[in-house]
Amino acid sequence: MMGSDAPGWSDTDEVPVHKVTFAKPFEMGKFEVTQRQWIAVMGKWPGNPPGECNGAGDSYPAYGISWTDIAGANGFIEKLNEHVKSTKQGPATFRLPSEAEWEYACRAGSSTPFFFGNTDCEPNSCTTCSLSNYAWFCGNNSGGCGSPTHGSKPVGGKLPNAFGLFDMYGNVREWCQDMSHTSYDGAPTDGSAWITPDATVRVLRGGYWNDLPSASSRRFASYNGPDARNFSFGFRVVRAP
């Protein structure tokens, strides 16, 4: 069941709650794509490189990258698939997840606001709570620039969900393939990305290191233009076997 109508943990664009049955299997990246992986594939940053203020290092998540930098022509996905094909490591099938795939992977079989169950977190309060064990968010990572409690952190530093996936909450927001919509009326029910010609912005999921618990919840989606770059924007990849 995708979407949410839970008081305090949902928004108007997360209804109606609807059933999704995946038509095809997929594999979700265990971690967010790292800065080392970005450079290995692309060789350089498309805009400003990561800096110490927001987290820099091989194992930190790649950020400051747009949807177009990832999924557009000559982007990360295209280059990664070219490499896989040229080195005969299997079919070239890497891509961004659909929003439905992302939410299913994050939920990991749960139906509560967070995959680890009910929480003592207040939706709009930056205090230490049960989410602290699973995510970097404003309750444990909101100091000023230069503070050890500021910026993204190396991937995999918190506990995973039941599917073994790390940082599905917090750290960096994650681009999905889908275009944004004001509700889930008319959304695909087969797990595919929702692409319509009249939409102009793309979906991000998961919240980032200075977001509120409500924004870090697996139910929360944000949106931005495909060419937008921000210190909070990152991604993980899906492979279709």
Protein backbone atom coordinates (compact mmCIF):
# COMPACT_ATOMS: atom_id res chain seq x y z
CA MET A 1 0.00 0.00 0.00
CA MET A 2 1.60 3.26 -1.17
CA GLY A 3 0.90 6.70 0.30
CA SER A 4 -0.29 7.88 3.69
CA ASP A 5 -3.14 9.61 5.45
CA ALA A 6 -1.57 9.42 8.94
CA PRO A 7 -2.16 12.65 10.93
CA GLY A 8 1.06 14.61 11.38
CA TRP A 9 3.09 12.30 9.16
CA SER A 10 1.51 12.86 5.76
CA ASP A 11 0.71 15.60 3.28
CA THR A 12 -2.07 16.28 0.80
CA ASP A 13 -0.07 14.86 -2.11
CA GLU A 14 0.31 11.47 -0.39
CA VAL A 15 -3.29 10.38 -0.91
CA PRO A 16 -5.11 8.35 -1.88
CA VAL A 17 -3.42 5.35 -0.32
CA HIS A 18 -3.41 2.80 -3.12
CA LYS A 19 -2.23 -0.72 -3.85
CA VAL A 20 0.82 -1.26 -6.03
CA THR A 21 1.66 -4.69 -7.46
CA PHE A 22 5.09 -4.73 -9.09
CA ALA A 23 5.07 -6.04 -12.63
CA LYS A 24 8.84 -6.53 -12.67
CA PRO A 25 11.48 -7.38 -10.04
CA PHE A 26 14.19 -4.88 -9.14
CA GLU A 27 17.28 -4.58 -6.97
CA MET A 28 17.81 -1.44 -4.86
CA GLY A 29 21.23 -0.02 -4.04
CA LYS A 30 22.23 -0.83 -0.46
CA PHE A 31 23.73 2.64 -0.02
CA GLU A 32 23.37 6.08 -1.54
CA VAL A 33 25.84 6.56 -4.41
CA THR A 34 29.08 7.86 -2.89
CA GLN A 35 31.41 10.64 -3.94
CA ARG A 36 34.06 8.09 -4.86
CA GLN A 37 31.60 6.25 -7.11
CA TRP A 38 30.52 9.47 -8.80
CA ILE A 39 34.09 10.42 -9.67
CA ALA A 40 34.90 6.86 -10.80
CA VAL A 41 32.08 7.04 -13.35
CA MET A 42 32.01 10.74 -14.30
CA GLY A 43 35.55 11.96 -13.58
CA LYS A 44 34.43 15.37 -12.30
CA TRP A 45 31.59 17.23 -10.62
CA PRO A 46 28.99 18.97 -12.79
CA GLY A 47 28.90 22.05 -10.52
CA ASN A 48 30.51 22.88 -7.22
CA PRO A 49 32.32 19.86 -5.72
CA PRO A 50 31.39 18.63 -2.23
CA GLY A 51 32.96 20.69 0.53
CA GLU A 52 33.87 20.12 4.15
CA CYS A 53 30.89 22.15 5.38
CA ASN A 54 28.39 19.63 3.97
CA GLY A 55 30.58 16.53 4.08
CA ALA A 56 33.43 15.52 1.76
CA GLY A 57 35.18 12.19 1.34
CA ASP A 58 35.11 8.95 -0.63
CA SER A 59 32.42 7.31 1.51
CA TYR A 60 30.18 10.36 1.81
CA PRO A 61 27.09 10.49 -0.40
CA ALA A 62 27.38 12.30 -3.73
CA TYR A 63 25.39 15.53 -3.60
CA GLY A 64 25.00 18.84 -5.39
CA ILE A 65 23.84 16.94 -8.46
CA SER A 66 20.67 17.38 -10.47
CA TRP A 67 18.26 14.84 -11.88
CA THR A 68 19.59 15.69 -15.33
CA ASP A 69 23.20 15.10 -14.18
CA ILE A 70 22.13 11.62 -13.14
CA ALA A 71 19.49 10.48 -15.61
CA GLY A 72 19.86 12.87 -18.55
CA ALA A 73 21.94 12.47 -21.71
CA ASN A 74 25.58 11.68 -20.87
CA GLY A 75 24.63 11.49 -17.21
CA PHE A 76 25.75 9.08 -14.49
CA ILE A 77 23.25 6.33 -15.39
CA GLU A 78 24.18 6.37 -19.07
CA LYS A 79 27.90 6.30 -18.33
CA LEU A 80 27.51 3.53 -15.75
CA ASN A 81 25.54 1.37 -18.16
CA GLU A 82 28.10 1.99 -20.91
CA HIS A 83 30.84 0.81 -18.55
CA VAL A 84 28.93 -2.30 -17.53
CA LYS A 85 28.26 -3.18 -21.16
CA SER A 86 31.84 -2.54 -22.31
CA THR A 87 33.32 -4.68 -19.54
CA LYS A 88 30.77 -7.45 -20.15
CA GLN A 89 29.57 -7.46 -16.54
CA GLY A 90 25.98 -8.17 -17.53
CA PRO A 91 23.08 -6.31 -19.10
CA ALA A 92 23.10 -2.52 -18.86
CA THR A 93 20.05 -2.01 -16.67
CA PHE A 94 20.94 0.55 -14.00
CA ARG A 95 18.47 3.43 -13.53
CA LEU A 96 16.84 5.65 -10.94
CA PRO A 97 14.08 4.03 -8.88
CA SER A 98 10.45 4.83 -9.44
CA GLU A 99 8.80 6.50 -6.47
CA ALA A 100 6.81 3.30 -5.84
CA GLU A 101 9.99 1.21 -5.83
CA TRP A 102 11.66 3.67 -3.48
CA GLU A 103 8.76 3.63 -1.01
CA TYR A 104 8.46 -0.16 -1.08
CA ALA A 105 12.20 -0.53 -0.47
CA CYS A 106 12.08 1.98 2.38
CA ARG A 107 9.01 0.47 4.05
CA ALA A 108 10.63 -2.99 4.09
CA GLY A 109 7.30 -4.60 4.89
CA SER A 110 6.22 -2.06 7.52
CA SER A 111 3.00 -0.05 7.72
CA THR A 112 4.04 2.38 10.47
CA PRO A 113 5.35 5.95 9.95
CA PHE A 114 8.91 4.59 10.02
CA PHE A 115 10.17 1.15 8.99
CA PHE A 116 11.36 0.45 12.54
CA GLY A 117 7.81 0.81 13.93
CA ASN A 118 6.04 3.49 15.91
CA THR A 119 8.18 6.33 17.18
CA ASP A 120 8.57 8.73 20.07
CA CYS A 121 9.57 11.47 17.60
CA GLU A 122 7.45 14.57 17.23
CA PRO A 123 6.84 15.19 13.51
CA ASN A 124 8.04 18.80 13.60
CA SER A 125 10.54 18.80 16.47
CA CYS A 126 14.33 18.63 16.19
CA THR A 127 15.05 16.51 19.25
CA THR A 128 16.81 13.22 19.82
CA CYS A 129 14.33 10.35 19.42
CA SER A 130 14.11 6.80 18.07
CA LEU A 131 14.85 8.04 14.53
CA SER A 132 18.38 8.91 15.71
CA ASN A 133 19.34 5.23 15.50
CA TYR A 134 18.46 5.07 11.79
CA ALA A 135 19.03 8.50 10.29
CA TRP A 136 21.00 11.72 10.22
CA PHE A 137 18.36 14.43 10.63
CA CYS A 138 17.92 17.72 12.49
CA GLY A 139 17.62 15.95 15.85
CA ASN A 140 21.22 14.72 15.75
CA ASN A 141 22.94 16.66 13.00
CA SER A 142 22.05 20.35 12.99
CA GLY A 143 25.14 22.25 14.19
CA GLY A 144 26.71 25.12 12.28
CA CYS A 145 29.16 24.76 9.40
CA GLY A 146 32.38 23.24 10.71
CA SER A 147 30.64 21.45 13.55
CA PRO A 148 30.88 17.64 13.64
CA THR A 149 27.07 17.62 13.84
CA HIS A 150 26.66 19.44 10.52
CA GLY A 151 26.45 18.05 7.01
CA SER A 152 26.09 14.66 5.41
CA LYS A 153 27.84 11.64 6.90
CA PRO A 154 29.54 8.55 5.40
CA VAL A 155 26.95 6.12 4.09
CA GLY A 156 25.97 3.17 6.25
CA GLY A 157 26.64 4.85 9.58
CA LYS A 158 23.18 4.16 11.00
CA LEU A 159 21.13 0.98 11.34
CA PRO A 160 19.59 -0.51 8.17
CA ASN A 161 15.98 -1.45 7.56
CA ALA A 162 14.70 -5.03 7.36
CA PHE A 163 15.79 -5.25 3.70
CA GLY A 164 19.37 -4.32 4.64
CA LEU A 165 19.18 -0.83 3.09
CA PHE A 166 20.96 2.09 4.79
CA ASP A 167 20.18 5.81 4.95
CA MET A 168 16.68 5.53 3.53
CA TYR A 169 15.91 8.39 5.94
CA GLY A 170 18.06 11.49 6.17
CA ASN A 171 21.65 12.07 4.98
CA VAL A 172 20.65 13.26 1.47
CA ARG A 173 17.36 13.44 -0.36
CA GLU A 174 17.18 10.91 -3.19
CA TRP A 175 16.05 11.61 -6.74
CA CYS A 176 13.44 9.30 -8.25
CA GLN A 177 12.49 8.87 -11.89
CA ASP A 178 8.95 10.21 -11.44
CA MET A 179 7.54 13.61 -12.25
CA SER A 180 5.57 15.32 -9.48
CA HIS A 181 1.79 15.33 -9.05
CA THR A 182 -0.56 16.95 -6.56
CA SER A 183 -1.98 13.59 -5.47
CA TYR A 184 -1.79 9.89 -6.28
CA ASP A 185 -5.02 9.98 -8.30
CA GLY A 186 -4.17 8.20 -11.53
CA ALA A 187 -0.79 6.92 -10.33
CA PRO A 188 0.52 3.69 -11.92
CA THR A 189 -0.31 0.57 -9.94
CA ASP A 190 2.41 -1.63 -11.50
CA GLY A 191 5.39 0.04 -9.80
CA SER A 192 6.53 1.98 -12.86
CA ALA A 193 7.56 5.63 -12.77
CA TRP A 194 4.76 8.17 -13.23
CA ILE A 195 5.80 10.23 -16.25
CA THR A 196 3.41 12.76 -17.77
CA PRO A 197 4.20 15.39 -20.41
CA ASP A 198 2.58 18.26 -18.50
CA ALA A 199 4.72 17.87 -15.34
CA THR A 200 7.94 19.89 -15.04
CA VAL A 201 9.54 18.82 -11.74
CA ARG A 202 10.90 15.54 -10.38
CA VAL A 203 10.40 13.68 -7.11
CA LEU A 204 12.92 13.34 -4.26
CA ARG A 205 12.37 11.06 -1.28
CA GLY A 206 13.83 10.42 2.17
CA GLY A 207 14.72 13.80 3.65
CA TYR A 208 18.23 15.07 4.37
CA TRP A 209 20.55 15.63 7.33
CA ASN A 210 18.85 18.78 8.60
CA ASP A 211 15.22 17.84 7.89
CA LEU A 212 12.45 17.41 10.44
CA PRO A 213 11.32 13.86 11.34
CA SER A 214 8.15 14.42 9.27
CA ALA A 215 10.28 15.16 6.20
CA SER A 216 12.56 12.18 6.85
CA SER A 217 9.63 9.78 7.06
CA ARG A 218 9.36 7.33 4.19
CA ARG A 219 5.97 8.88 3.48
CA PHE A 220 7.34 12.33 2.65
CA ALA A 221 8.13 13.44 -0.89
CA SER A 222 9.69 16.70 -2.09
CA TYR A 223 10.02 18.09 -5.58
CA ASN A 224 12.37 20.20 -7.67
CA GLY A 225 13.25 21.05 -11.24
CA PRO A 226 15.33 18.44 -13.07
CA ASP A 227 18.29 20.82 -13.45
CA ALA A 228 18.36 21.93 -9.79
CA ARG A 229 21.50 21.22 -7.78
CA ASN A 230 21.54 21.43 -4.01
CA PHE A 231 23.75 20.24 -1.13
CA SER A 232 20.84 18.07 0.04
CA PHE A 233 20.21 16.27 -3.30
CA GLY A 234 21.69 12.80 -3.85
CA PHE A 235 20.52 9.41 -5.14
CA ARG A 236 20.80 5.66 -5.17
CA VAL A 237 20.40 3.35 -8.15
CA VAL A 238 18.19 0.43 -9.06
CA ARG A 239 19.14 -2.51 -11.23
CA ALA A 240 16.55 -4.55 -13.09
CA PRO A 241 17.85 -8.15 -13.29
